[in-house]
Amino acid sequence: MAMEMINTFMDSIIRGTLAGFCLSFYILAIAAVWKWFLGIMKRILLYLFPGIKARADKKGKKKNAHGNSNDTGQAGGLDHRDQLCQPMRSLHRTHHH
């Protein structure tokens, strides 16, 4: 009787895990299809009504003029690409004796 209970319990754990994986992949697939579909719809709308993008660009320029945009330049300092391009100054110094 105990082996049958353990077997039933393990079977339900395996079925639950497989159901969870399948459900999560199903939800991800639905999200990917909707993202693709909404991207297609956006392109169709912008193709049919090109003035929508021009109006959105004008609003974005107004926000940039007031400093409210998140699309700002580099905040300062160097990023990793600049550091890789700079010569190592300590190795290039000439020592005069």
PDB file of N, CA and C in Angstrom:
ATOM      1  N   MET A   1       0.822  -1.193   0.000  1.00  0.00           N
ATOM      2  CA  MET A   1       0.000   0.000   0.000  1.00  0.00           C
ATOM      3  C   MET A   1       0.868   1.259   0.000  1.00  0.00           C
ATOM      4  N   ALA A   2       1.954   1.254   0.759  1.00  0.00           N
ATOM      5  CA  ALA A   2       2.822   2.417   0.824  1.00  0.00           C
ATOM      6  C   ALA A   2       3.512   2.652  -0.514  1.00  0.00           C
ATOM      7  N   MET A   3       3.930   1.590  -1.201  1.00  0.00           N
ATOM      8  CA  MET A   3       4.587   1.734  -2.509  1.00  0.00           C
ATOM      9  C   MET A   3       3.610   2.309  -3.536  1.00  0.00           C
ATOM     10  N   GLU A   4       2.353   1.902  -3.435  1.00  0.00           N
ATOM     11  CA  GLU A   4       1.356   2.416  -4.367  1.00  0.00           C
ATOM     12  C   GLU A   4       1.123   3.907  -4.144  1.00  0.00           C
ATOM     13  N   MET A   5       1.117   4.330  -2.888  1.00  0.00           N
ATOM     14  CA  MET A   5       0.944   5.754  -2.565  1.00  0.00           C
ATOM     15  C   MET A   5       2.133   6.572  -3.058  1.00  0.00           C
ATOM     16  N   ILE A   6       3.342   6.042  -2.828  1.00  0.00           N
ATOM     17  CA  ILE A   6       4.545   6.741  -3.295  1.00  0.00           C
ATOM     18  C   ILE A   6       4.550   6.831  -4.818  1.00  0.00           C
ATOM     19  N   ASN A   7       4.171   5.728  -5.473  1.00  0.00           N
ATOM     20  CA  ASN A   7       4.125   5.707  -6.932  1.00  0.00           C
ATOM     21  C   ASN A   7       3.102   6.723  -7.462  1.00  0.00           C
ATOM     22  N   THR A   8       1.942   6.797  -6.835  1.00  0.00           N
ATOM     23  CA  THR A   8       0.911   7.758  -7.239  1.00  0.00           C
ATOM     24  C   THR A   8       1.387   9.187  -7.020  1.00  0.00           C
ATOM     25  N   PHE A   9       2.037   9.422  -5.873  1.00  0.00           N
ATOM     26  CA  PHE A   9       2.546  10.759  -5.553  1.00  0.00           C
ATOM     27  C   PHE A   9       3.603  11.194  -6.565  1.00  0.00           C
ATOM     28  N   MET A  10       4.561  10.310  -6.891  1.00  0.00           N
ATOM     29  CA  MET A  10       5.613  10.652  -7.850  1.00  0.00           C
ATOM     30  C   MET A  10       5.031  10.855  -9.245  1.00  0.00           C
ATOM     31  N   ASP A  11       4.027  10.057  -9.588  1.00  0.00           N
ATOM     32  CA  ASP A  11       3.378  10.213 -10.889  1.00  0.00           C
ATOM     33  C   ASP A  11       2.701  11.574 -10.989  1.00  0.00           C
ATOM     34  N   SER A  12       2.037  11.995  -9.906  1.00  0.00           N
ATOM     35  CA  SER A  12       1.370  13.305  -9.933  1.00  0.00           C
ATOM     36  C   SER A  12       2.387  14.453  -9.974  1.00  0.00           C
ATOM     37  N   ILE A  13       3.544  14.280  -9.313  1.00  0.00           N
ATOM     38  CA  ILE A  13       4.590  15.306  -9.370  1.00  0.00           C
ATOM     39  C   ILE A  13       5.113  15.447 -10.802  1.00  0.00           C
ATOM     40  N   ILE A  14       5.364  14.322 -11.458  1.00  0.00           N
ATOM     41  CA  ILE A  14       5.879  14.349 -12.833  1.00  0.00           C
ATOM     42  C   ILE A  14       4.852  14.962 -13.772  1.00  0.00           C
ATOM     43  N   ARG A  15       3.582  14.572 -13.616  1.00  0.00           N
ATOM     44  CA  ARG A  15       2.530  15.138 -14.472  1.00  0.00           C
ATOM     45  C   ARG A  15       2.385  16.637 -14.240  1.00  0.00           C
ATOM     46  N   GLY A  16       2.472  17.077 -12.999  1.00  0.00           N
ATOM     47  CA  GLY A  16       2.373  18.509 -12.688  1.00  0.00           C
ATOM     48  C   GLY A  16       3.530  19.296 -13.274  1.00  0.00           C
ATOM     49  N   THR A  17       4.742  18.723 -13.198  1.00  0.00           N
ATOM     50  CA  THR A  17       5.912  19.399 -13.760  1.00  0.00           C
ATOM     51  C   THR A  17       5.785  19.522 -15.271  1.00  0.00           C
ATOM     52  N   LEU A  18       5.397  18.443 -15.927  1.00  0.00           N
ATOM     53  CA  LEU A  18       5.223  18.491 -17.382  1.00  0.00           C
ATOM     54  C   LEU A  18       4.113  19.459 -17.772  1.00  0.00           C
ATOM     55  N   ALA A  19       3.039  19.468 -17.019  1.00  0.00           N
ATOM     56  CA  ALA A  19       1.948  20.406 -17.312  1.00  0.00           C
ATOM     57  C   ALA A  19       2.416  21.849 -17.126  1.00  0.00           C
ATOM     58  N   GLY A  20       3.240  22.102 -16.101  1.00  0.00           N
ATOM     59  CA  GLY A  20       3.768  23.442 -15.874  1.00  0.00           C
ATOM     60  C   GLY A  20       4.670  23.902 -17.004  1.00  0.00           C
ATOM     61  N   PHE A  21       5.555  23.012 -17.471  1.00  0.00           N
ATOM     62  CA  PHE A  21       6.432  23.354 -18.597  1.00  0.00           C
ATOM     63  C   PHE A  21       5.604  23.646 -19.845  1.00  0.00           C
ATOM     64  N   CYS A  22       4.651  22.785 -20.130  1.00  0.00           N
ATOM     65  CA  CYS A  22       3.824  22.984 -21.327  1.00  0.00           C
ATOM     66  C   CYS A  22       3.034  24.278 -21.239  1.00  0.00           C
ATOM     67  N   LEU A  23       2.471  24.564 -20.073  1.00  0.00           N
ATOM     68  CA  LEU A  23       1.700  25.789 -19.904  1.00  0.00           C
ATOM     69  C   LEU A  23       2.576  27.026 -20.051  1.00  0.00           C
ATOM     70  N   SER A  24       3.796  26.984 -19.485  1.00  0.00           N
ATOM     71  CA  SER A  24       4.685  28.152 -19.601  1.00  0.00           C
ATOM     72  C   SER A  24       5.121  28.365 -21.044  1.00  0.00           C
ATOM     73  N   PHE A  25       5.443  27.297 -21.777  1.00  0.00           N
ATOM     74  CA  PHE A  25       5.803  27.453 -23.187  1.00  0.00           C
ATOM     75  C   PHE A  25       4.614  27.950 -24.000  1.00  0.00           C
ATOM     76  N   TYR A  26       3.419  27.488 -23.665  1.00  0.00           N
ATOM     77  CA  TYR A  26       2.219  27.932 -24.357  1.00  0.00           C
ATOM     78  C   TYR A  26       2.010  29.425 -24.138  1.00  0.00           C
ATOM     79  N   ILE A  27       2.174  29.888 -22.907  1.00  0.00           N
ATOM     80  CA  ILE A  27       2.009  31.317 -22.608  1.00  0.00           C
ATOM     81  C   ILE A  27       3.070  32.144 -23.325  1.00  0.00           C
ATOM     82  N   LEU A  28       4.323  31.668 -23.342  1.00  0.00           N
ATOM     83  CA  LEU A  28       5.374  32.388 -24.068  1.00  0.00           C
ATOM     84  C   LEU A  28       5.085  32.439 -25.565  1.00  0.00           C
ATOM     85  N   ALA A  29       4.563  31.348 -26.121  1.00  0.00           N
ATOM     86  CA  ALA A  29       4.234  31.329 -27.548  1.00  0.00           C
ATOM     87  C   ALA A  29       3.106  32.306 -27.858  1.00  0.00           C
ATOM     88  N   ILE A  30       2.107  32.352 -27.003  1.00  0.00           N
ATOM     89  CA  ILE A  30       1.003  33.302 -27.195  1.00  0.00           C
ATOM     90  C   ILE A  30       1.530  34.739 -27.139  1.00  0.00           C
ATOM     91  N   ALA A  31       2.411  35.026 -26.171  1.00  0.00           N
ATOM     92  CA  ALA A  31       2.975  36.379 -26.062  1.00  0.00           C
ATOM     93  C   ALA A  31       3.798  36.731 -27.296  1.00  0.00           C
ATOM     94  N   ALA A  32       4.587  35.793 -27.817  1.00  0.00           N
ATOM     95  CA  ALA A  32       5.399  36.055 -29.006  1.00  0.00           C
ATOM     96  C   ALA A  32       4.525  36.309 -30.228  1.00  0.00           C
ATOM     97  N   VAL A  33       3.460  35.534 -30.374  1.00  0.00           N
ATOM     98  CA  VAL A  33       2.561  35.732 -31.516  1.00  0.00           C
ATOM     99  C   VAL A  33       1.870  37.089 -31.417  1.00  0.00           C
ATOM    100  N   TRP A  34       1.428  37.469 -30.218  1.00  0.00           N
ATOM    101  CA  TRP A  34       0.787  38.764 -30.064  1.00  0.00           C
ATOM    102  C   TRP A  34       1.763  39.896 -30.313  1.00  0.00           C
ATOM    103  N   LYS A  35       3.001  39.757 -29.870  1.00  0.00           N
ATOM    104  CA  LYS A  35       4.003  40.802 -30.122  1.00  0.00           C
ATOM    105  C   LYS A  35       4.236  40.947 -31.621  1.00  0.00           C
ATOM    106  N   TRP A  36       4.331  39.827 -32.322  1.00  0.00           N
ATOM    107  CA  TRP A  36       4.520  39.857 -33.772  1.00  0.00           C
ATOM    108  C   TRP A  36       3.307  40.497 -34.446  1.00  0.00           C
ATOM    109  N   PHE A  37       2.108  40.091 -34.027  1.00  0.00           N
ATOM    110  CA  PHE A  37       0.889  40.608 -34.631  1.00  0.00           C
ATOM    111  C   PHE A  37       0.751  42.109 -34.402  1.00  0.00           C
ATOM    112  N   LEU A  38       1.037  42.574 -33.198  1.00  0.00           N
ATOM    113  CA  LEU A  38       0.938  44.003 -32.919  1.00  0.00           C
ATOM    114  C   LEU A  38       1.988  44.791 -33.691  1.00  0.00           C
ATOM    115  N   GLY A  39       3.184  44.217 -33.890  1.00  0.00           N
ATOM    116  CA  GLY A  39       4.202  44.875 -34.713  1.00  0.00           C
ATOM    117  C   GLY A  39       3.751  45.014 -36.158  1.00  0.00           C
ATOM    118  N   ILE A  40       3.110  43.968 -36.693  1.00  0.00           N
ATOM    119  CA  ILE A  40       2.579  44.019 -38.058  1.00  0.00           C
ATOM    120  C   ILE A  40       1.486  45.083 -38.153  1.00  0.00           C
ATOM    121  N   MET A  41       0.602  45.110 -37.170  1.00  0.00           N
ATOM    122  CA  MET A  41      -0.482  46.103 -37.178  1.00  0.00           C
ATOM    123  C   MET A  41       0.065  47.521 -37.093  1.00  0.00           C
ATOM    124  N   LYS A  42       1.122  47.714 -36.296  1.00  0.00           N
ATOM    125  CA  LYS A  42       1.735  49.037 -36.184  1.00  0.00           C
ATOM    126  C   LYS A  42       2.314  49.462 -37.523  1.00  0.00           C
ATOM    127  N   ARG A  43       3.014  48.531 -38.210  1.00  0.00           N
ATOM    128  CA  ARG A  43       3.584  48.858 -39.516  1.00  0.00           C
ATOM    129  C   ARG A  43       2.499  49.183 -40.531  1.00  0.00           C
ATOM    130  N   ILE A  44       1.392  48.435 -40.494  1.00  0.00           N
ATOM    131  CA  ILE A  44       0.295  48.694 -41.431  1.00  0.00           C
ATOM    132  C   ILE A  44      -0.315  50.068 -41.161  1.00  0.00           C
ATOM    133  N   LEU A  45      -0.528  50.388 -39.883  1.00  0.00           N
ATOM    134  CA  LEU A  45      -1.088  51.702 -39.548  1.00  0.00           C
ATOM    135  C   LEU A  45      -0.155  52.831 -39.958  1.00  0.00           C
ATOM    136  N   LEU A  46       1.149  52.665 -39.739  1.00  0.00           N
ATOM    137  CA  LEU A  46       2.089  53.708 -40.136  1.00  0.00           C
ATOM    138  C   LEU A  46       2.179  53.820 -41.657  1.00  0.00           C
ATOM    139  N   TYR A  47       1.965  52.715 -42.358  1.00  0.00           N
ATOM    140  CA  TYR A  47       1.956  52.756 -43.824  1.00  0.00           C
ATOM    141  C   TYR A  47       0.708  53.472 -44.326  1.00  0.00           C
ATOM    142  N   LEU A  48      -0.440  53.185 -43.689  1.00  0.00           N
ATOM    143  CA  LEU A  48      -1.694  53.810 -44.124  1.00  0.00           C
ATOM    144  C   LEU A  48      -1.797  55.270 -43.697  1.00  0.00           C
ATOM    145  N   PHE A  49      -1.290  55.587 -42.515  1.00  0.00           N
ATOM    146  CA  PHE A  49      -1.375  56.950 -41.978  1.00  0.00           C
ATOM    147  C   PHE A  49       0.023  57.438 -41.595  1.00  0.00           C
ATOM    148  N   PRO A  50       0.824  57.900 -42.555  1.00  0.00           N
ATOM    149  CA  PRO A  50       2.196  58.320 -42.236  1.00  0.00           C
ATOM    150  C   PRO A  50       2.257  59.567 -41.364  1.00  0.00           C
ATOM    151  N   GLY A  51       1.174  60.332 -41.284  1.00  0.00           N
ATOM    152  CA  GLY A  51       1.163  61.532 -40.448  1.00  0.00           C
ATOM    153  C   GLY A  51       1.230  61.224 -38.965  1.00  0.00           C
ATOM    154  N   ILE A  52       0.854  60.014 -38.574  1.00  0.00           N
ATOM    155  CA  ILE A  52       0.891  59.640 -37.153  1.00  0.00           C
ATOM    156  C   ILE A  52       2.323  59.693 -36.638  1.00  0.00           C
ATOM    157  N   LYS A  53       3.266  59.164 -37.405  1.00  0.00           N
ATOM    158  CA  LYS A  53       4.665  59.150 -36.972  1.00  0.00           C
ATOM    159  C   LYS A  53       5.230  60.560 -36.942  1.00  0.00           C
ATOM    160  N   ALA A  54       4.853  61.395 -37.901  1.00  0.00           N
ATOM    161  CA  ALA A  54       5.344  62.769 -37.922  1.00  0.00           C
ATOM    162  C   ALA A  54       4.851  63.530 -36.699  1.00  0.00           C
ATOM    163  N   ARG A  55       3.582  63.315 -36.318  1.00  0.00           N
ATOM    164  CA  ARG A  55       3.065  63.968 -35.120  1.00  0.00           C
ATOM    165  C   ARG A  55       3.781  63.483 -33.867  1.00  0.00           C
ATOM    166  N   ALA A  56       4.048  62.188 -33.794  1.00  0.00           N
ATOM    167  CA  ALA A  56       4.750  61.631 -32.630  1.00  0.00           C
ATOM    168  C   ALA A  56       6.174  62.175 -32.552  1.00  0.00           C
ATOM    169  N   ASP A  57       6.839  62.356 -33.714  1.00  0.00           N
ATOM    170  CA  ASP A  57       8.190  62.908 -33.719  1.00  0.00           C
ATOM    171  C   ASP A  57       8.195  64.351 -33.241  1.00  0.00           C
ATOM    172  N   LYS A  58       7.187  65.135 -33.622  1.00  0.00           N
ATOM    173  CA  LYS A  58       7.118  66.531 -33.172  1.00  0.00           C
ATOM    174  C   LYS A  58       6.945  66.592 -31.662  1.00  0.00           C
ATOM    175  N   LYS A  59       6.101  65.728 -31.120  1.00  0.00           N
ATOM    176  CA  LYS A  59       5.921  65.706 -29.662  1.00  0.00           C
ATOM    177  C   LYS A  59       7.215  65.313 -28.974  1.00  0.00           C
ATOM    178  N   GLY A  60       7.953  64.371 -29.550  1.00  0.00           N
ATOM    179  CA  GLY A  60       9.227  63.958 -28.966  1.00  0.00           C
ATOM    180  C   GLY A  60      10.247  65.075 -28.972  1.00  0.00           C
ATOM    181  N   LYS A  61      10.256  65.887 -30.025  1.00  0.00           N
ATOM    182  CA  LYS A  61      11.193  67.010 -30.082  1.00  0.00           C
ATOM    183  C   LYS A  61      10.858  68.049 -29.034  1.00  0.00           C
ATOM    184  N   LYS A  62       9.564  68.267 -28.782  1.00  0.00           N
ATOM    185  CA  LYS A  62       9.190  69.208 -27.734  1.00  0.00           C
ATOM    186  C   LYS A  62       9.675  68.716 -26.378  1.00  0.00           C
ATOM    187  N   LYS A  63       9.536  67.429 -26.124  1.00  0.00           N
ATOM    188  CA  LYS A  63       9.989  66.894 -24.843  1.00  0.00           C
ATOM    189  C   LYS A  63      11.504  67.016 -24.716  1.00  0.00           C
ATOM    190  N   ASN A  64      12.235  66.792 -25.820  1.00  0.00           N
ATOM    191  CA  ASN A  64      13.691  66.913 -25.764  1.00  0.00           C
ATOM    192  C   ASN A  64      14.101  68.347 -25.465  1.00  0.00           C
ATOM    193  N   ALA A  65      13.355  69.324 -25.985  1.00  0.00           N
ATOM    194  CA  ALA A  65      13.703  70.717 -25.758  1.00  0.00           C
ATOM    195  C   ALA A  65      13.569  71.082 -24.286  1.00  0.00           C
ATOM    196  N   HIS A  66      12.647  70.441 -23.600  1.00  0.00           N
ATOM    197  CA  HIS A  66      12.436  70.736 -22.181  1.00  0.00           C
ATOM    198  C   HIS A  66      13.230  69.814 -21.263  1.00  0.00           C
ATOM    199  N   GLY A  67      13.943  68.884 -21.830  1.00  0.00           N
ATOM    200  CA  GLY A  67      14.757  67.996 -21.014  1.00  0.00           C
ATOM    201  C   GLY A  67      13.984  66.893 -20.333  1.00  0.00           C
ATOM    202  N   ASN A  68      12.831  66.520 -20.864  1.00  0.00           N
ATOM    203  CA  ASN A  68      12.018  65.497 -20.230  1.00  0.00           C
ATOM    204  C   ASN A  68      12.189  64.128 -20.854  1.00  0.00           C
ATOM    205  N   SER A  69      13.050  64.013 -21.827  1.00  0.00           N
ATOM    206  CA  SER A  69      13.183  62.746 -22.533  1.00  0.00           C
ATOM    207  C   SER A  69      14.173  61.836 -21.816  1.00  0.00           C
ATOM    208  N   ASN A  70      13.957  60.548 -21.951  1.00  0.00           N
ATOM    209  CA  ASN A  70      14.899  59.577 -21.391  1.00  0.00           C
ATOM    210  C   ASN A  70      16.036  59.270 -22.349  1.00  0.00           C
ATOM    211  N   ASP A  71      15.945  59.751 -23.588  1.00  0.00           N
ATOM    212  CA  ASP A  71      16.949  59.469 -24.606  1.00  0.00           C
ATOM    213  C   ASP A  71      18.049  60.518 -24.529  1.00  0.00           C
ATOM    214  N   THR A  72      18.866  60.418 -23.513  1.00  0.00           N
ATOM    215  CA  THR A  72      19.934  61.393 -23.328  1.00  0.00           C
ATOM    216  C   THR A  72      21.255  60.794 -23.759  1.00  0.00           C
ATOM    217  N   GLY A  73      22.240  61.637 -23.863  1.00  0.00           N
ATOM    218  CA  GLY A  73      23.569  61.170 -24.250  1.00  0.00           C
ATOM    219  C   GLY A  73      24.281  60.511 -23.091  1.00  0.00           C
ATOM    220  N   GLN A  74      25.567  60.306 -23.276  1.00  0.00           N
ATOM    221  CA  GLN A  74      26.366  59.650 -22.247  1.00  0.00           C
ATOM    222  C   GLN A  74      26.459  60.552 -21.021  1.00  0.00           C
ATOM    223  N   ALA A  75      26.310  59.976 -19.858  1.00  0.00           N
ATOM    224  CA  ALA A  75      26.260  60.750 -18.632  1.00  0.00           C
ATOM    225  C   ALA A  75      27.638  61.247 -18.208  1.00  0.00           C
ATOM    226  N   GLY A  76      28.675  60.698 -18.740  1.00  0.00           N
ATOM    227  CA  GLY A  76      30.022  61.105 -18.371  1.00  0.00           C
ATOM    228  C   GLY A  76      30.867  59.886 -18.085  1.00  0.00           C
ATOM    229  N   GLY A  77      32.150  60.054 -18.118  1.00  0.00           N
ATOM    230  CA  GLY A  77      33.028  58.921 -17.893  1.00  0.00           C
ATOM    231  C   GLY A  77      33.220  58.131 -19.172  1.00  0.00           C
ATOM    232  N   LEU A  78      33.895  57.034 -19.073  1.00  0.00           N
ATOM    233  CA  LEU A  78      34.196  56.217 -20.229  1.00  0.00           C
ATOM    234  C   LEU A  78      33.471  54.890 -20.130  1.00  0.00           C
ATOM    235  N   ASP A  79      33.030  54.396 -21.248  1.00  0.00           N
ATOM    236  CA  ASP A  79      32.497  53.050 -21.225  1.00  0.00           C
ATOM    237  C   ASP A  79      33.592  52.076 -21.641  1.00  0.00           C
ATOM    238  N   HIS A  80      33.281  50.800 -21.681  1.00  0.00           N
ATOM    239  CA  HIS A  80      34.312  49.789 -21.909  1.00  0.00           C
ATOM    240  C   HIS A  80      34.939  49.912 -23.287  1.00  0.00           C
ATOM    241  N   ARG A  81      34.196  50.394 -24.303  1.00  0.00           N
ATOM    242  CA  ARG A  81      34.779  50.518 -25.638  1.00  0.00           C
ATOM    243  C   ARG A  81      35.843  51.604 -25.666  1.00  0.00           C
ATOM    244  N   ASP A  82      35.594  52.728 -24.960  1.00  0.00           N
ATOM    245  CA  ASP A  82      36.598  53.793 -24.916  1.00  0.00           C
ATOM    246  C   ASP A  82      37.839  53.346 -24.164  1.00  0.00           C
ATOM    247  N   GLN A  83      37.654  52.555 -23.140  1.00  0.00           N
ATOM    248  CA  GLN A  83      38.804  52.094 -22.375  1.00  0.00           C
ATOM    249  C   GLN A  83      39.660  51.134 -23.180  1.00  0.00           C
ATOM    250  N   LEU A  84      39.033  50.339 -24.054  1.00  0.00           N
ATOM    251  CA  LEU A  84      39.808  49.415 -24.867  1.00  0.00           C
ATOM    252  C   LEU A  84      40.606  50.143 -25.939  1.00  0.00           C
ATOM    253  N   CYS A  85      40.100  51.287 -26.410  1.00  0.00           N
ATOM    254  CA  CYS A  85      40.767  52.004 -27.491  1.00  0.00           C
ATOM    255  C   CYS A  85      41.892  52.906 -26.998  1.00  0.00           C
ATOM    256  N   GLN A  86      41.921  53.246 -25.733  1.00  0.00           N
ATOM    257  CA  GLN A  86      42.966  54.135 -25.224  1.00  0.00           C
ATOM    258  C   GLN A  86      44.258  53.363 -25.002  1.00  0.00           C
ATOM    259  N   PRO A  87      45.388  53.965 -25.351  1.00  0.00           N
ATOM    260  CA  PRO A  87      46.663  53.281 -25.091  1.00  0.00           C
ATOM    261  C   PRO A  87      46.951  53.242 -23.598  1.00  0.00           C
ATOM    262  N   MET A  88      47.699  52.263 -23.231  1.00  0.00           N
ATOM    263  CA  MET A  88      48.090  52.162 -21.819  1.00  0.00           C
ATOM    264  C   MET A  88      49.217  53.156 -21.584  1.00  0.00           C
ATOM    265  N   ARG A  89      48.910  54.231 -20.909  1.00  0.00           N
ATOM    266  CA  ARG A  89      49.863  55.320 -20.753  1.00  0.00           C
ATOM    267  C   ARG A  89      51.057  54.917 -19.879  1.00  0.00           C
ATOM    268  N   SER A  90      50.838  54.020 -18.954  1.00  0.00           N
ATOM    269  CA  SER A  90      51.939  53.657 -18.067  1.00  0.00           C
ATOM    270  C   SER A  90      53.031  52.902 -18.824  1.00  0.00           C
ATOM    271  N   LEU A  91      52.683  52.173 -19.875  1.00  0.00           N
ATOM    272  CA  LEU A  91      53.673  51.441 -20.635  1.00  0.00           C
ATOM    273  C   LEU A  91      54.385  52.323 -21.656  1.00  0.00           C
ATOM    274  N   HIS A  92      53.766  53.410 -22.069  1.00  0.00           N
ATOM    275  CA  HIS A  92      54.321  54.241 -23.115  1.00  0.00           C
ATOM    276  C   HIS A  92      55.146  55.414 -22.574  1.00  0.00           C
ATOM    277  N   ARG A  93      55.253  55.566 -21.301  1.00  0.00           N
ATOM    278  CA  ARG A  93      56.050  56.661 -20.740  1.00  0.00           C
ATOM    279  C   ARG A  93      57.531  56.386 -20.959  1.00  0.00           C
ATOM    280  N   THR A  94      58.218  57.404 -21.258  1.00  0.00           N
ATOM    281  CA  THR A  94      59.670  57.262 -21.417  1.00  0.00           C
ATOM    282  C   THR A  94      60.340  57.681 -20.117  1.00  0.00           C
ATOM    283  N   HIS A  95      61.234  56.862 -19.682  1.00  0.00           N
ATOM    284  CA  HIS A  95      61.956  57.156 -18.445  1.00  0.00           C
ATOM    285  C   HIS A  95      63.328  57.667 -18.814  1.00  0.00           C
ATOM    286  N   HIS A  96      63.635  58.870 -18.397  1.00  0.00           N
ATOM    287  CA  HIS A  96      64.967  59.442 -18.644  1.00  0.00           C
ATOM    288  C   HIS A  96      65.797  59.295 -17.390  1.00  0.00           C
ATOM    289  N   HIS A  97      66.994  58.763 -17.559  1.00  0.00           N
ATOM    290  CA  HIS A  97      67.873  58.581 -16.423  1.00  0.00           C
ATOM    291  C   HIS A  97      68.875  59.679 -16.321  1.00  0.00           C
TER     292      HIS A  97
END
